[in-house]
C-alpha cells in the first residue's frame, strides 16, 4: 500500500451560461457562500461574491497516493467541482486548481521570546 498524502485544493472558475433560475438561486443563497463559509472539506465548499456574480471558488480536502502527486489531487478536486456544479444546474467555464500538500508543507514557527 502506498503512502497517502492530504491535499488542500482551491478550484477557481467563472460562471458561464447561467440560466435565470440558476442566477436567482445563487443570488438568494449568496449569504451562505461568502467569506465566512470558506472551509476545506471532502465534499467541497463553494464561495462567491454576488455582485458582480462572475467568479467562484470551491475548497476541497483530497487524500490520495503521494506517488500521484499534486497534479492528481487537483484533477480529483476539479472532477468533484464539475460534478457538483452540473448537478446543481450551474453553468461554468474552465476550472483551475491550486494545490497544497499538507504532508510536505513547511511550517515556520515564530521563535518564543525570551526575557
C-alpha atoms as a PDB file:
ATOM      1  CA  UNK A   1       0.000   0.000   0.000  1.00  0.00           C
ATOM      2  CA  UNK A   2       1.425   3.363  -0.960  1.00  0.00           C
ATOM      3  CA  UNK A   3       1.708   6.383   1.270  1.00  0.00           C
ATOM      4  CA  UNK A   4      -1.300   8.708   1.377  1.00  0.00           C
ATOM      5  CA  UNK A   5      -0.993  12.487   1.467  1.00  0.00           C
ATOM      6  CA  UNK A   6      -3.601  15.064   2.344  1.00  0.00           C
ATOM      7  CA  UNK A   7      -4.006  17.967  -0.063  1.00  0.00           C
ATOM      8  CA  UNK A   8      -5.902  21.229   0.211  1.00  0.00           C
ATOM      9  CA  UNK A   9      -7.177  22.229  -3.205  1.00  0.00           C
ATOM     10  CA  UNK A  10      -8.770  25.501  -4.284  1.00  0.00           C
ATOM     11  CA  UNK A  11     -10.675  25.176  -7.547  1.00  0.00           C
ATOM     12  CA  UNK A  12     -11.449  28.504  -9.230  1.00  0.00           C
ATOM     13  CA  UNK A  13     -13.782  29.249 -12.095  1.00  0.00           C
ATOM     14  CA  UNK A  14     -16.118  31.716 -13.744  1.00  0.00           C
ATOM     15  CA  UNK A  15     -19.867  31.389 -14.031  1.00  0.00           C
ATOM     16  CA  UNK A  16     -20.855  30.917 -17.655  1.00  0.00           C
ATOM     17  CA  UNK A  17     -24.236  30.406 -19.290  1.00  0.00           C
ATOM     18  CA  UNK A  18     -26.242  30.615 -16.080  1.00  0.00           C
ATOM     19  CA  UNK A  19     -29.972  30.258 -16.555  1.00  0.00           C
ATOM     20  CA  UNK A  20     -32.212  32.900 -14.983  1.00  0.00           C
ATOM     21  CA  UNK A  21     -33.280  30.288 -12.414  1.00  0.00           C
ATOM     22  CA  UNK A  22     -29.675  29.363 -11.516  1.00  0.00           C
ATOM     23  CA  UNK A  23     -28.687  33.040 -11.262  1.00  0.00           C
ATOM     24  CA  UNK A  24     -31.668  33.755  -8.968  1.00  0.00           C
ATOM     25  CA  UNK A  25     -30.792  30.754  -6.776  1.00  0.00           C
ATOM     26  CA  UNK A  26     -27.134  31.820  -6.482  1.00  0.00           C
ATOM     27  CA  UNK A  27     -28.143  35.356  -5.547  1.00  0.00           C
ATOM     28  CA  UNK A  28     -30.681  34.097  -2.995  1.00  0.00           C
ATOM     29  CA  UNK A  29     -28.077  31.799  -1.396  1.00  0.00           C
ATOM     30  CA  UNK A  30     -25.148  34.240  -1.565  1.00  0.00           C
ATOM     31  CA  UNK A  31     -25.084  34.864   2.193  1.00  0.00           C
ATOM     32  CA  UNK A  32     -24.427  31.133   2.716  1.00  0.00           C
ATOM     33  CA  UNK A  33     -21.448  31.199   0.337  1.00  0.00           C
ATOM     34  CA  UNK A  34     -19.488  34.273   1.419  1.00  0.00           C
ATOM     35  CA  UNK A  35     -16.113  34.711   3.075  1.00  0.00           C
ATOM     36  CA  UNK A  36     -17.243  33.153   6.366  1.00  0.00           C
ATOM     37  CA  UNK A  37     -18.308  29.922   4.652  1.00  0.00           C
ATOM     38  CA  UNK A  38     -14.853  29.175   3.227  1.00  0.00           C
ATOM     39  CA  UNK A  39     -13.533  25.879   4.565  1.00  0.00           C
ATOM     40  CA  UNK A  40     -11.683  22.891   3.237  1.00  0.00           C
ATOM     41  CA  UNK A  41     -13.690  19.667   3.292  1.00  0.00           C
ATOM     42  CA  UNK A  42     -14.069  16.475   1.276  1.00  0.00           C
ATOM     43  CA  UNK A  43     -17.453  17.449  -0.217  1.00  0.00           C
ATOM     44  CA  UNK A  44     -16.251  20.919  -1.148  1.00  0.00           C
ATOM     45  CA  UNK A  45     -17.152  24.396  -0.024  1.00  0.00           C
ATOM     46  CA  UNK A  46     -18.491  26.889  -2.577  1.00  0.00           C
ATOM     47  CA  UNK A  47     -17.849  30.620  -2.184  1.00  0.00           C
ATOM     48  CA  UNK A  48     -18.575  33.606  -4.411  1.00  0.00           C
ATOM     49  CA  UNK A  49     -19.469  37.282  -4.315  1.00  0.00           C
ATOM     50  CA  UNK A  50     -22.975  38.127  -5.516  1.00  0.00           C
ATOM     51  CA  UNK A  51     -22.046  41.447  -7.046  1.00  0.00           C
ATOM     52  CA  UNK A  52     -20.950  41.010  -9.666  1.00  0.00           C
ATOM     53  CA  UNK A  53     -21.864  37.345  -9.990  1.00  0.00           C
ATOM     54  CA  UNK A  54     -18.807  36.374 -12.006  1.00  0.00           C
ATOM     55  CA  UNK A  55     -16.179  34.221 -10.249  1.00  0.00           C
ATOM     56  CA  UNK A  56     -16.378  31.404  -7.708  1.00  0.00           C
ATOM     57  CA  UNK A  57     -14.067  29.110  -5.796  1.00  0.00           C
ATOM     58  CA  UNK A  58     -14.500  25.724  -4.198  1.00  0.00           C
ATOM     59  CA  UNK A  59     -12.275  24.318  -1.469  1.00  0.00           C
ATOM     60  CA  UNK A  60     -11.578  20.618  -1.094  1.00  0.00           C
ATOM     61  CA  UNK A  61      -9.579  18.215   1.019  1.00  0.00           C
ATOM     62  CA  UNK A  62      -8.283  15.370  -1.135  1.00  0.00           C
ATOM     63  CA  UNK A  63      -6.472  12.320   0.223  1.00  0.00           C
ATOM     64  CA  UNK A  64      -4.614  10.394  -2.452  1.00  0.00           C
ATOM     65  CA  UNK A  65      -1.423   8.464  -3.118  1.00  0.00           C
ATOM     66  CA  UNK A  66       1.656  10.589  -2.633  1.00  0.00           C
ATOM     67  CA  UNK A  67       3.165   8.986  -5.744  1.00  0.00           C
ATOM     68  CA  UNK A  68       0.356  10.507  -7.837  1.00  0.00           C
ATOM     69  CA  UNK A  69       1.329  13.969  -6.623  1.00  0.00           C
ATOM     70  CA  UNK A  70      -0.358  17.327  -6.587  1.00  0.00           C
ATOM     71  CA  UNK A  71      -1.475  17.115 -10.210  1.00  0.00           C
ATOM     72  CA  UNK A  72      -3.735  14.149  -9.442  1.00  0.00           C
ATOM     73  CA  UNK A  73      -5.138  15.836  -6.333  1.00  0.00           C
ATOM     74  CA  UNK A  74      -6.019  18.858  -8.463  1.00  0.00           C
ATOM     75  CA  UNK A  75      -7.681  16.664 -11.093  1.00  0.00           C
ATOM     76  CA  UNK A  76      -9.728  14.869  -8.425  1.00  0.00           C
ATOM     77  CA  UNK A  77     -10.912  18.165  -6.932  1.00  0.00           C
ATOM     78  CA  UNK A  78     -11.756  19.607 -10.352  1.00  0.00           C
ATOM     79  CA  UNK A  79     -13.781  16.476 -11.156  1.00  0.00           C
ATOM     80  CA  UNK A  80     -15.686  16.825  -7.864  1.00  0.00           C
ATOM     81  CA  UNK A  81     -16.334  20.514  -8.583  1.00  0.00           C
ATOM     82  CA  UNK A  82     -17.606  19.808 -12.108  1.00  0.00           C
ATOM     83  CA  UNK A  83     -19.950  17.123 -10.821  1.00  0.00           C
ATOM     84  CA  UNK A  84     -21.297  19.347  -8.021  1.00  0.00           C
ATOM     85  CA  UNK A  85     -21.832  22.338 -10.292  1.00  0.00           C
ATOM     86  CA  UNK A  86     -23.519  20.280 -13.028  1.00  0.00           C
ATOM     87  CA  UNK A  87     -25.817  18.554 -10.528  1.00  0.00           C
ATOM     88  CA  UNK A  88     -26.831  21.994  -9.215  1.00  0.00           C
ATOM     89  CA  UNK A  89     -27.513  23.179 -12.775  1.00  0.00           C
ATOM     90  CA  UNK A  90     -24.846  25.899 -12.769  1.00  0.00           C
ATOM     91  CA  UNK A  91     -23.044  26.837 -15.966  1.00  0.00           C
ATOM     92  CA  UNK A  92     -19.308  27.432 -15.651  1.00  0.00           C
ATOM     93  CA  UNK A  93     -16.181  27.891 -17.719  1.00  0.00           C
ATOM     94  CA  UNK A  94     -12.782  26.177 -17.451  1.00  0.00           C
ATOM     95  CA  UNK A  95     -11.602  25.352 -13.939  1.00  0.00           C
ATOM     96  CA  UNK A  96      -8.143  25.938 -12.496  1.00  0.00           C
ATOM     97  CA  UNK A  97      -6.820  24.495  -9.261  1.00  0.00           C
ATOM     98  CA  UNK A  98      -4.149  25.397  -6.736  1.00  0.00           C
ATOM     99  CA  UNK A  99      -2.881  22.505  -4.608  1.00  0.00           C
ATOM    100  CA  UNK A 100      -1.047  22.418  -1.282  1.00  0.00           C
ATOM    101  CA  UNK A 101       0.378  19.145   0.042  1.00  0.00           C
ATOM    102  CA  UNK A 102      -0.149  19.346   3.802  1.00  0.00           C
ATOM    103  CA  UNK A 103       2.258  16.494   4.445  1.00  0.00           C
ATOM    104  CA  UNK A 104       5.220  18.282   2.874  1.00  0.00           C
ATOM    105  CA  UNK A 105       4.310  21.833   3.836  1.00  0.00           C
ATOM    106  CA  UNK A 106       6.933  23.571   5.919  1.00  0.00           C
ATOM    107  CA  UNK A 107       5.576  25.411   8.933  1.00  0.00           C
ATOM    108  CA  UNK A 108       7.576  28.422  10.026  1.00  0.00           C
ATOM    109  CA  UNK A 109       7.090  28.853  13.727  1.00  0.00           C
ATOM    110  CA  UNK A 110       7.939  32.098  15.429  1.00  0.00           C
ATOM    111  CA  UNK A 111      10.675  31.679  17.986  1.00  0.00           C
ATOM    112  CA  UNK A 112       9.456  32.133  21.506  1.00  0.00           C
ATOM    113  CA  UNK A 113      10.540  35.403  23.005  1.00  0.00           C
ATOM    114  CA  UNK A 114      12.788  35.060  25.976  1.00  0.00           C
ATOM    115  CA  UNK A 115      13.122  37.777  28.554  1.00  0.00           C
END
